[in-house]
Amino acid sequence: ANGYFGLPTLAVTASPASGAVALARPGATQAVTITVKDNAGKAVKGATINITQGGSTNLGLSTTTGSTLDDGTFTFYMTNNFAAPVAGDTELVEVGTVIVTVTGYTQTVSGANYTVTLTRPAF
């Protein structure tokens, strides 16, 4: 027996933790690793990860869906896709959002929520 009744519950952690992320220059990238375990602390392989974004169209994502690996992890990247500044450009700042959800054992839970500030410096 697995030691508990019913389906296991999902325990999700994110690195970096949910919150504010700054991508201060064009091309700046932030890796995000989502780790999914069950309530017994065992890695959950094959949990479905879905990533949605809003706000800035200059916020790039390396992928918007995937599955956790054998160790229960899934990594994606957020990138500042502003073009490099050229002479005469003023500073631009945009804000995007990234929301990660995790589905496994017929449950869908929050994985992480980020507010991403993207900057293109003045030239």
Protein backbone atom coordinates (compact mmCIF):
# COMPACT_ATOMS: atom_id res chain seq x y z
CA ALA A 1 0.00 0.00 0.00
CA ASN A 2 1.11 3.57 -0.52
CA GLY A 3 0.46 4.59 3.08
CA TYR A 4 -2.49 6.89 2.43
CA PHE A 5 -5.99 6.68 1.04
CA GLY A 6 -7.04 8.17 -2.26
CA LEU A 7 -4.85 9.97 -4.73
CA PRO A 8 -1.63 11.62 -3.59
CA THR A 9 -1.61 15.39 -3.42
CA LEU A 10 0.86 17.53 -5.33
CA ALA A 11 3.50 19.62 -3.59
CA VAL A 12 4.94 22.19 -6.00
CA THR A 13 7.96 24.44 -5.49
CA ALA A 14 9.47 26.96 -7.86
CA SER A 15 12.96 28.41 -8.16
CA PRO A 16 12.99 31.36 -8.12
CA ALA A 17 9.94 31.56 -5.87
CA SER A 18 6.86 33.36 -7.15
CA GLY A 19 7.12 37.13 -7.20
CA ALA A 20 8.99 39.85 -9.02
CA VAL A 21 11.62 39.13 -11.67
CA ALA A 22 13.64 41.84 -13.42
CA LEU A 23 15.03 41.33 -16.91
CA ALA A 24 16.91 44.59 -17.09
CA ARG A 25 18.46 44.41 -20.57
CA PRO A 26 17.52 43.06 -23.99
CA GLY A 27 18.53 39.39 -24.10
CA ALA A 28 18.47 38.97 -20.31
CA THR A 29 17.19 35.52 -19.35
CA GLN A 30 15.86 33.95 -16.15
CA ALA A 31 15.65 30.17 -15.76
CA VAL A 32 12.67 28.85 -13.79
CA THR A 33 12.61 25.33 -12.36
CA ILE A 34 9.35 23.84 -11.15
CA THR A 35 9.65 20.79 -8.86
CA VAL A 36 6.68 18.51 -8.30
CA LYS A 37 6.53 15.95 -5.50
CA ASP A 38 3.73 13.98 -3.92
CA ASN A 39 2.72 14.24 -0.28
CA ALA A 40 5.17 11.43 0.55
CA GLY A 41 8.03 13.54 -0.86
CA LYS A 42 8.54 11.42 -3.98
CA ALA A 43 9.23 13.06 -7.33
CA VAL A 44 6.26 13.10 -9.70
CA LYS A 45 7.32 12.20 -13.25
CA GLY A 46 5.06 13.25 -16.11
CA ALA A 47 3.08 15.99 -14.39
CA THR A 48 1.85 18.44 -17.04
CA ILE A 49 3.19 21.98 -16.85
CA ASN A 50 1.28 24.81 -18.55
CA ILE A 51 2.66 28.34 -18.76
CA THR A 52 0.62 31.38 -19.74
CA GLN A 53 1.78 34.93 -20.14
CA GLY A 54 0.17 38.33 -20.30
CA GLY A 55 1.14 41.96 -20.53
CA SER A 56 4.33 42.77 -22.41
CA THR A 57 4.73 41.26 -25.86
CA ASN A 58 8.50 41.58 -25.34
CA LEU A 59 8.46 38.81 -22.74
CA GLY A 60 9.64 35.58 -24.37
CA LEU A 61 9.11 32.06 -23.06
CA SER A 62 11.20 29.09 -24.15
CA THR A 63 8.09 26.89 -24.04
CA THR A 64 4.50 27.04 -22.85
CA THR A 65 3.91 23.38 -21.98
CA GLY A 66 5.78 20.23 -21.03
CA SER A 67 6.11 17.41 -18.51
CA THR A 68 8.23 16.86 -15.44
CA LEU A 69 11.27 14.61 -15.75
CA ASP A 70 12.12 11.53 -13.66
CA ASP A 71 13.31 13.80 -10.83
CA GLY A 72 10.03 15.75 -10.85
CA THR A 73 11.56 18.90 -12.38
CA PHE A 74 10.68 21.04 -15.37
CA THR A 75 12.76 24.05 -16.45
CA PHE A 76 11.83 26.89 -18.77
CA TYR A 77 13.30 30.32 -19.53
CA MET A 78 11.88 33.84 -19.58
CA THR A 79 13.70 36.29 -21.87
CA ASN A 80 13.66 40.05 -22.45
CA ASN A 81 12.98 40.23 -26.20
CA PHE A 82 13.31 44.00 -26.59
CA ALA A 83 15.53 44.97 -29.51
CA ALA A 84 18.84 46.55 -28.48
CA PRO A 85 18.59 50.34 -28.14
CA VAL A 86 19.82 52.55 -30.95
CA ALA A 87 20.91 56.18 -30.87
CA GLY A 88 18.16 58.46 -29.64
CA ASP A 89 16.11 55.73 -27.92
CA THR A 90 14.57 56.57 -24.56
CA GLU A 91 14.22 54.00 -21.82
CA LEU A 92 11.26 51.66 -22.17
CA VAL A 93 9.84 49.59 -19.31
CA GLU A 94 7.11 47.01 -19.71
CA VAL A 95 5.59 44.53 -17.30
CA GLY A 96 4.51 41.01 -18.13
CA THR A 97 3.00 38.21 -16.12
CA VAL A 98 3.82 34.52 -16.17
CA ILE A 99 1.50 31.97 -14.57
CA VAL A 100 2.51 28.32 -14.18
CA THR A 101 -0.03 25.58 -13.47
CA VAL A 102 0.71 21.93 -12.74
CA THR A 103 -1.60 19.00 -13.44
CA GLY A 104 -1.08 15.51 -12.06
CA TYR A 105 -3.16 12.86 -10.30
CA THR A 106 -6.24 14.56 -11.85
CA GLN A 107 -5.47 17.74 -9.88
CA THR A 108 -4.49 21.13 -11.26
CA VAL A 109 -2.63 23.39 -8.85
CA SER A 110 -0.72 26.65 -8.98
CA GLY A 111 2.95 26.24 -9.77
CA ALA A 112 4.17 29.84 -9.68
CA ASN A 113 3.18 33.40 -10.53
CA TYR A 114 5.68 35.98 -11.70
CA THR A 115 5.52 39.70 -12.40
CA VAL A 116 8.32 40.37 -14.88
CA THR A 117 9.71 43.86 -15.46
CA LEU A 118 11.44 44.23 -18.83
CA THR A 119 13.66 47.22 -19.53
CA ARG A 120 15.24 48.58 -22.68
CA PRO A 121 17.76 51.19 -21.58
CA ALA A 122 18.08 54.57 -23.25
CA PHE A 123 20.91 54.93 -25.72
